[in-house]
Amino acid sequence: MKKTRNTRQRGVILDLLRGSHDHPTAEAIYRNARRVLPNISLGTVYRNLNFLRDQGAVREIRPSEGGSSRFDAADTPHAHFHCLHCSALLDIPLPPTLESVRFEEEETISAVSLVDLHVVGSCSGCAPAAGAGHSVQ
């Protein structure tokens, strides 16, 4: 494994993500990072986000209906809810049954490192306008 150094840019990006709960896009991270590092480039932000994602320090969340990826540095296991109408992206708890899930092909699976669950629908603010779908119990 190639040894890497922690850069000031990477530290600022990670601090911004850890302090954010709204799952910002790379462009939003770039705008906020420029307040601390006026000379940082958008390319540097993307490279560092990719590095942090590959190292497991952040999660890249790809929207179900296109659009820009969003990023999350939360270190507790959780799922994400995407509102199809307002594009809100919210943290939701993982269902407890996922902790004890068994796979039919367990002989072919040696280890599970991540469960990435995305729930898509209408948030409570958009549900009345969207004609109300199924509620989650």
N, C-alpha and C. Protein backbone atom coordinates (compact mmCIF):
# COMPACT_ATOMS: atom_id res chain seq x y z
N MET A 1 0.85 -1.19 0.00
CA MET A 1 0.00 0.00 0.00
C MET A 1 0.89 1.24 0.00
N LYS A 2 0.56 2.17 -0.83
CA LYS A 2 1.32 3.40 -0.95
C LYS A 2 1.11 4.26 0.30
N LYS A 3 2.21 4.75 0.86
CA LYS A 3 2.11 5.61 2.03
C LYS A 3 1.70 7.01 1.57
N THR A 4 0.73 7.59 2.26
CA THR A 4 0.27 8.93 1.91
C THR A 4 0.40 9.84 3.11
N ARG A 5 0.46 11.11 2.85
CA ARG A 5 0.54 12.07 3.94
C ARG A 5 -0.79 12.79 4.05
N ASN A 6 -1.09 13.21 5.26
CA ASN A 6 -2.30 13.99 5.47
C ASN A 6 -1.99 15.43 5.10
N THR A 7 -2.78 15.98 4.20
CA THR A 7 -2.55 17.35 3.76
C THR A 7 -3.53 18.29 4.47
N ARG A 8 -3.20 19.55 4.47
CA ARG A 8 -4.10 20.55 5.06
C ARG A 8 -5.44 20.54 4.33
N GLN A 9 -5.40 20.44 2.99
CA GLN A 9 -6.64 20.42 2.21
C GLN A 9 -7.51 19.24 2.62
N ARG A 10 -6.91 18.06 2.76
CA ARG A 10 -7.66 16.87 3.13
C ARG A 10 -8.26 17.04 4.53
N GLY A 11 -7.49 17.62 5.44
CA GLY A 11 -7.98 17.84 6.79
C GLY A 11 -9.16 18.80 6.84
N VAL A 12 -9.09 19.87 6.05
CA VAL A 12 -10.19 20.84 6.00
C VAL A 12 -11.43 20.19 5.43
N ILE A 13 -11.29 19.43 4.36
CA ILE A 13 -12.43 18.75 3.73
C ILE A 13 -13.07 17.77 4.71
N LEU A 14 -12.26 16.99 5.39
CA LEU A 14 -12.79 16.02 6.35
C LEU A 14 -13.47 16.73 7.52
N ASP A 15 -12.88 17.81 8.01
CA ASP A 15 -13.51 18.57 9.10
C ASP A 15 -14.86 19.14 8.66
N LEU A 16 -14.93 19.65 7.43
CA LEU A 16 -16.19 20.18 6.92
C LEU A 16 -17.26 19.09 6.87
N LEU A 17 -16.88 17.91 6.41
CA LEU A 17 -17.84 16.81 6.32
C LEU A 17 -18.27 16.33 7.70
N ARG A 18 -17.34 16.24 8.62
CA ARG A 18 -17.68 15.78 9.97
C ARG A 18 -18.60 16.77 10.68
N GLY A 19 -18.48 18.05 10.33
CA GLY A 19 -19.33 19.06 10.96
C GLY A 19 -20.64 19.29 10.24
N SER A 20 -20.87 18.56 9.17
CA SER A 20 -22.08 18.75 8.36
C SER A 20 -22.99 17.54 8.49
N HIS A 21 -24.28 17.80 8.52
CA HIS A 21 -25.25 16.70 8.56
C HIS A 21 -26.20 16.76 7.38
N ASP A 22 -25.86 17.59 6.38
CA ASP A 22 -26.76 17.74 5.24
C ASP A 22 -26.24 17.06 3.97
N HIS A 23 -25.19 16.23 4.10
CA HIS A 23 -24.68 15.46 2.97
C HIS A 23 -24.35 16.37 1.77
N PRO A 24 -23.34 17.22 1.91
CA PRO A 24 -23.05 18.19 0.84
C PRO A 24 -22.48 17.54 -0.42
N THR A 25 -22.64 18.26 -1.53
CA THR A 25 -22.02 17.87 -2.79
C THR A 25 -20.57 18.34 -2.77
N ALA A 26 -19.78 17.86 -3.72
CA ALA A 26 -18.39 18.30 -3.83
C ALA A 26 -18.34 19.82 -4.04
N GLU A 27 -19.27 20.35 -4.81
CA GLU A 27 -19.29 21.79 -5.08
C GLU A 27 -19.57 22.58 -3.80
N ALA A 28 -20.47 22.09 -2.95
CA ALA A 28 -20.76 22.77 -1.68
C ALA A 28 -19.55 22.69 -0.75
N ILE A 29 -18.87 21.55 -0.74
CA ILE A 29 -17.66 21.40 0.08
C ILE A 29 -16.60 22.39 -0.43
N TYR A 30 -16.47 22.49 -1.73
CA TYR A 30 -15.52 23.42 -2.34
C TYR A 30 -15.80 24.86 -1.91
N ARG A 31 -17.05 25.28 -1.97
CA ARG A 31 -17.40 26.65 -1.57
C ARG A 31 -17.04 26.90 -0.10
N ASN A 32 -17.33 25.93 0.76
CA ASN A 32 -17.01 26.09 2.18
C ASN A 32 -15.51 26.01 2.45
N ALA A 33 -14.81 25.15 1.73
CA ALA A 33 -13.37 25.01 1.91
C ALA A 33 -12.64 26.29 1.50
N ARG A 34 -13.17 26.99 0.51
CA ARG A 34 -12.52 28.24 0.05
C ARG A 34 -12.54 29.32 1.13
N ARG A 35 -13.43 29.22 2.10
CA ARG A 35 -13.44 30.18 3.21
C ARG A 35 -12.20 30.00 4.08
N VAL A 36 -11.70 28.77 4.14
CA VAL A 36 -10.51 28.47 4.94
C VAL A 36 -9.26 28.48 4.08
N LEU A 37 -9.37 27.94 2.88
CA LEU A 37 -8.25 27.82 1.93
C LEU A 37 -8.65 28.49 0.62
N PRO A 38 -8.46 29.80 0.50
CA PRO A 38 -8.95 30.52 -0.68
C PRO A 38 -8.40 30.02 -2.02
N ASN A 39 -7.24 29.35 -2.01
CA ASN A 39 -6.63 28.91 -3.26
C ASN A 39 -6.93 27.45 -3.61
N ILE A 40 -7.76 26.78 -2.82
CA ILE A 40 -8.08 25.38 -3.13
C ILE A 40 -8.88 25.31 -4.43
N SER A 41 -8.62 24.28 -5.21
CA SER A 41 -9.34 24.13 -6.48
C SER A 41 -10.43 23.06 -6.34
N LEU A 42 -11.40 23.11 -7.23
CA LEU A 42 -12.45 22.10 -7.25
C LEU A 42 -11.85 20.72 -7.52
N GLY A 43 -10.85 20.66 -8.38
CA GLY A 43 -10.17 19.40 -8.68
C GLY A 43 -9.52 18.79 -7.44
N THR A 44 -8.92 19.64 -6.61
CA THR A 44 -8.32 19.17 -5.35
C THR A 44 -9.38 18.60 -4.43
N VAL A 45 -10.53 19.26 -4.38
CA VAL A 45 -11.63 18.77 -3.54
C VAL A 45 -12.06 17.39 -4.04
N TYR A 46 -12.27 17.24 -5.34
CA TYR A 46 -12.68 15.94 -5.89
C TYR A 46 -11.63 14.86 -5.62
N ARG A 47 -10.36 15.16 -5.85
CA ARG A 47 -9.30 14.17 -5.62
C ARG A 47 -9.28 13.72 -4.16
N ASN A 48 -9.41 14.69 -3.25
CA ASN A 48 -9.38 14.35 -1.82
C ASN A 48 -10.63 13.59 -1.40
N LEU A 49 -11.79 13.94 -1.93
CA LEU A 49 -13.01 13.19 -1.62
C LEU A 49 -12.89 11.75 -2.11
N ASN A 50 -12.35 11.56 -3.30
CA ASN A 50 -12.15 10.20 -3.82
C ASN A 50 -11.18 9.42 -2.95
N PHE A 51 -10.09 10.08 -2.52
CA PHE A 51 -9.12 9.44 -1.66
C PHE A 51 -9.77 9.04 -0.33
N LEU A 52 -10.48 9.98 0.30
CA LEU A 52 -11.13 9.71 1.58
C LEU A 52 -12.18 8.61 1.46
N ARG A 53 -12.90 8.59 0.34
CA ARG A 53 -13.87 7.52 0.09
C ARG A 53 -13.15 6.18 -0.03
N ASP A 54 -12.08 6.14 -0.80
CA ASP A 54 -11.34 4.89 -1.00
C ASP A 54 -10.71 4.39 0.30
N GLN A 55 -10.40 5.29 1.21
CA GLN A 55 -9.82 4.92 2.51
C GLN A 55 -10.90 4.57 3.54
N GLY A 56 -12.17 4.78 3.19
CA GLY A 56 -13.26 4.45 4.09
C GLY A 56 -13.58 5.54 5.11
N ALA A 57 -13.01 6.73 4.94
CA ALA A 57 -13.25 7.83 5.88
C ALA A 57 -14.55 8.56 5.58
N VAL A 58 -15.01 8.52 4.33
CA VAL A 58 -16.28 9.14 3.95
C VAL A 58 -17.04 8.20 3.03
N ARG A 59 -18.34 8.40 2.97
CA ARG A 59 -19.18 7.64 2.06
C ARG A 59 -19.68 8.55 0.95
N GLU A 60 -19.65 8.04 -0.26
CA GLU A 60 -20.23 8.75 -1.39
C GLU A 60 -21.64 8.21 -1.57
N ILE A 61 -22.60 9.11 -1.61
CA ILE A 61 -24.00 8.72 -1.76
C ILE A 61 -24.45 9.19 -3.14
N ARG A 62 -24.78 8.25 -3.97
CA ARG A 62 -25.23 8.58 -5.33
C ARG A 62 -26.74 8.63 -5.35
N PRO A 63 -27.30 9.76 -5.79
CA PRO A 63 -28.76 9.87 -5.81
C PRO A 63 -29.38 8.87 -6.78
N SER A 64 -30.58 8.43 -6.45
CA SER A 64 -31.25 7.42 -7.27
C SER A 64 -31.75 7.96 -8.60
N GLU A 65 -32.00 9.24 -8.67
CA GLU A 65 -32.56 9.83 -9.88
C GLU A 65 -31.59 10.79 -10.57
N GLY A 66 -30.31 10.44 -10.60
CA GLY A 66 -29.32 11.32 -11.21
C GLY A 66 -28.94 12.44 -10.26
N GLY A 67 -28.21 13.40 -10.75
CA GLY A 67 -27.77 14.50 -9.90
C GLY A 67 -26.38 14.24 -9.35
N SER A 68 -25.90 15.19 -8.57
CA SER A 68 -24.55 15.11 -8.03
C SER A 68 -24.47 14.17 -6.84
N SER A 69 -23.32 13.51 -6.71
CA SER A 69 -23.07 12.69 -5.54
C SER A 69 -23.02 13.57 -4.31
N ARG A 70 -23.39 12.99 -3.19
CA ARG A 70 -23.33 13.69 -1.91
C ARG A 70 -22.37 12.90 -1.02
N PHE A 71 -21.85 13.53 0.02
CA PHE A 71 -20.83 12.90 0.84
C PHE A 71 -21.21 12.95 2.31
N ASP A 72 -20.78 11.91 3.04
CA ASP A 72 -21.14 11.72 4.44
C ASP A 72 -19.93 11.19 5.18
N ALA A 73 -19.59 11.81 6.32
CA ALA A 73 -18.47 11.33 7.13
C ALA A 73 -18.94 10.73 8.44
N ALA A 74 -20.23 10.47 8.58
CA ALA A 74 -20.74 9.87 9.82
C ALA A 74 -20.13 8.49 10.00
N ASP A 75 -19.69 8.20 11.21
CA ASP A 75 -19.02 6.93 11.44
C ASP A 75 -19.92 5.87 12.08
N THR A 76 -21.19 6.19 12.28
CA THR A 76 -22.11 5.19 12.81
C THR A 76 -22.91 4.59 11.65
N PRO A 77 -23.17 3.30 11.69
CA PRO A 77 -23.94 2.67 10.60
C PRO A 77 -25.35 3.26 10.53
N HIS A 78 -25.77 3.60 9.32
CA HIS A 78 -27.11 4.14 9.10
C HIS A 78 -27.45 4.02 7.62
N ALA A 79 -28.71 4.19 7.32
CA ALA A 79 -29.19 4.19 5.94
C ALA A 79 -29.50 5.63 5.54
N HIS A 80 -29.89 5.81 4.29
CA HIS A 80 -30.26 7.14 3.80
C HIS A 80 -31.63 7.12 3.14
N PHE A 81 -32.38 8.18 3.37
CA PHE A 81 -33.68 8.37 2.74
C PHE A 81 -33.56 9.51 1.73
N HIS A 82 -33.96 9.27 0.49
CA HIS A 82 -33.94 10.27 -0.58
C HIS A 82 -35.38 10.68 -0.89
N CYS A 83 -35.68 11.97 -0.82
CA CYS A 83 -36.99 12.44 -1.24
C CYS A 83 -36.94 12.72 -2.74
N LEU A 84 -37.84 12.11 -3.48
CA LEU A 84 -37.88 12.28 -4.93
C LEU A 84 -38.33 13.68 -5.35
N HIS A 85 -38.96 14.41 -4.46
CA HIS A 85 -39.55 15.70 -4.83
C HIS A 85 -38.65 16.88 -4.50
N CYS A 86 -38.12 16.92 -3.28
CA CYS A 86 -37.29 18.07 -2.89
C CYS A 86 -35.81 17.74 -2.83
N SER A 87 -35.45 16.49 -3.11
CA SER A 87 -34.07 16.00 -3.11
C SER A 87 -33.43 15.97 -1.73
N ALA A 88 -34.23 16.04 -0.67
CA ALA A 88 -33.67 15.92 0.68
C ALA A 88 -32.99 14.56 0.82
N LEU A 89 -31.92 14.54 1.58
CA LEU A 89 -31.19 13.31 1.87
C LEU A 89 -31.02 13.25 3.38
N LEU A 90 -31.67 12.28 4.00
CA LEU A 90 -31.72 12.20 5.45
C LEU A 90 -31.12 10.90 5.95
N ASP A 91 -30.46 10.96 7.11
CA ASP A 91 -29.99 9.75 7.78
C ASP A 91 -31.17 9.08 8.46
N ILE A 92 -31.26 7.77 8.31
CA ILE A 92 -32.28 7.00 9.02
C ILE A 92 -31.59 5.78 9.62
N PRO A 93 -32.11 5.25 10.72
CA PRO A 93 -31.48 4.07 11.32
C PRO A 93 -31.62 2.85 10.42
N LEU A 94 -30.64 1.98 10.49
CA LEU A 94 -30.74 0.71 9.77
C LEU A 94 -31.77 -0.17 10.46
N PRO A 95 -32.57 -0.89 9.71
CA PRO A 95 -33.49 -1.84 10.35
C PRO A 95 -32.70 -2.88 11.14
N PRO A 96 -33.13 -3.22 12.35
CA PRO A 96 -32.38 -4.17 13.18
C PRO A 96 -32.21 -5.54 12.54
N THR A 97 -33.11 -5.93 11.65
CA THR A 97 -33.01 -7.25 11.02
C THR A 97 -31.79 -7.36 10.11
N LEU A 98 -31.25 -6.24 9.65
CA LEU A 98 -30.07 -6.30 8.79
C LEU A 98 -28.84 -6.78 9.54
N GLU A 99 -28.83 -6.62 10.85
CA GLU A 99 -27.68 -7.06 11.64
C GLU A 99 -27.55 -8.58 11.66
N SER A 100 -28.66 -9.28 11.50
CA SER A 100 -28.60 -10.74 11.57
C SER A 100 -28.96 -11.39 10.24
N VAL A 101 -28.87 -10.64 9.15
CA VAL A 101 -29.25 -11.18 7.85
C VAL A 101 -28.30 -12.32 7.44
N ARG A 102 -28.86 -13.33 6.83
CA ARG A 102 -28.07 -14.45 6.31
C ARG A 102 -28.30 -14.51 4.80
N PHE A 103 -27.24 -14.80 4.08
CA PHE A 103 -27.31 -14.86 2.64
C PHE A 103 -27.45 -16.31 2.19
N GLU A 104 -28.27 -16.53 1.18
CA GLU A 104 -28.45 -17.89 0.65
C GLU A 104 -27.13 -18.45 0.14
N GLU A 105 -26.34 -17.58 -0.47
CA GLU A 105 -25.06 -18.01 -1.05
C GLU A 105 -23.92 -17.75 -0.08
N GLU A 106 -24.12 -18.02 1.21
CA GLU A 106 -23.10 -17.65 2.20
C GLU A 106 -21.78 -18.37 1.97
N GLU A 107 -21.77 -19.49 1.24
CA GLU A 107 -20.51 -20.15 0.94
C GLU A 107 -19.65 -19.30 0.01
N THR A 108 -20.26 -18.43 -0.80
CA THR A 108 -19.51 -17.61 -1.74
C THR A 108 -19.18 -16.23 -1.19
N ILE A 109 -19.68 -15.89 0.00
CA ILE A 109 -19.42 -14.59 0.61
C ILE A 109 -18.52 -14.81 1.82
N SER A 110 -17.33 -14.21 1.80
CA SER A 110 -16.42 -14.42 2.92
C SER A 110 -16.59 -13.36 3.99
N ALA A 111 -16.94 -12.11 3.61
CA ALA A 111 -17.11 -11.05 4.61
C ALA A 111 -17.94 -9.92 4.01
N VAL A 112 -18.74 -9.29 4.82
CA VAL A 112 -19.50 -8.11 4.41
C VAL A 112 -18.87 -6.91 5.10
N SER A 113 -18.43 -5.93 4.32
CA SER A 113 -17.76 -4.77 4.92
C SER A 113 -18.68 -3.55 5.01
N LEU A 114 -19.75 -3.55 4.25
CA LEU A 114 -20.64 -2.39 4.26
C LEU A 114 -22.02 -2.79 3.79
N VAL A 115 -23.04 -2.28 4.48
CA VAL A 115 -24.41 -2.39 4.02
C VAL A 115 -24.81 -0.98 3.64
N ASP A 116 -25.18 -0.77 2.39
CA ASP A 116 -25.51 0.55 1.89
C ASP A 116 -26.97 0.56 1.46
N LEU A 117 -27.84 1.03 2.34
CA LEU A 117 -29.27 1.00 2.10
C LEU A 117 -29.78 2.40 1.77
N HIS A 118 -30.49 2.51 0.65
CA HIS A 118 -31.11 3.77 0.24
C HIS A 118 -32.61 3.55 0.15
N VAL A 119 -33.35 4.37 0.87
CA VAL A 119 -34.80 4.33 0.84
C VAL A 119 -35.25 5.55 0.06
N VAL A 120 -36.12 5.36 -0.91
CA VAL A 120 -36.54 6.45 -1.80
C VAL A 120 -38.04 6.64 -1.67
N GLY A 121 -38.48 7.89 -1.59
CA GLY A 121 -39.90 8.18 -1.49
C GLY A 121 -40.16 9.65 -1.33
N SER A 122 -41.18 9.99 -0.55
CA SER A 122 -41.55 11.39 -0.31
C SER A 122 -41.36 11.70 1.17
N CYS A 123 -40.71 12.82 1.46
CA CYS A 123 -40.54 13.22 2.84
C CYS A 123 -41.87 13.76 3.37
N SER A 124 -41.95 13.99 4.67
CA SER A 124 -43.21 14.44 5.26
C SER A 124 -43.64 15.80 4.73
N GLY A 125 -42.71 16.64 4.32
CA GLY A 125 -43.07 17.94 3.76
C GLY A 125 -43.61 17.84 2.34
N CYS A 126 -43.18 16.83 1.61
CA CYS A 126 -43.61 16.67 0.21
C CYS A 126 -44.74 15.68 0.03
N ALA A 127 -44.96 14.79 0.99
CA ALA A 127 -45.97 13.73 0.84
C ALA A 127 -47.36 14.25 0.52
N PRO A 128 -47.87 15.29 1.21
CA PRO A 128 -49.21 15.78 0.86
C PRO A 128 -49.29 16.30 -0.58
N ALA A 129 -48.25 16.98 -1.02
CA ALA A 129 -48.25 17.53 -2.38
C ALA A 129 -48.05 16.44 -3.42
N ALA A 130 -47.41 15.35 -3.02
CA ALA A 130 -47.11 14.27 -3.97
C ALA A 130 -48.22 13.23 -4.03
N GLY A 131 -49.26 13.40 -3.25
CA GLY A 131 -50.36 12.44 -3.30
C GLY A 131 -50.18 11.29 -2.32
N ALA A 132 -49.30 11.46 -1.35
CA ALA A 132 -49.07 10.49 -0.26
C ALA A 132 -48.89 9.07 -0.75
N GLY A 133 -47.69 8.56 -0.54
CA GLY A 133 -47.40 7.17 -0.88
C GLY A 133 -47.61 6.31 0.35
N HIS A 134 -46.92 5.20 0.40
CA HIS A 134 -47.02 4.30 1.54
C HIS A 134 -46.23 4.88 2.69
N SER A 135 -46.76 4.76 3.90
CA SER A 135 -46.02 5.24 5.06
C SER A 135 -45.13 4.14 5.57
N VAL A 136 -44.04 4.53 6.20
CA VAL A 136 -43.10 3.59 6.79
C VAL A 136 -43.46 3.40 8.25
N GLN A 137 -43.59 2.18 8.67
CA GLN A 137 -43.96 1.88 10.06
C GLN A 137 -42.75 1.49 10.84
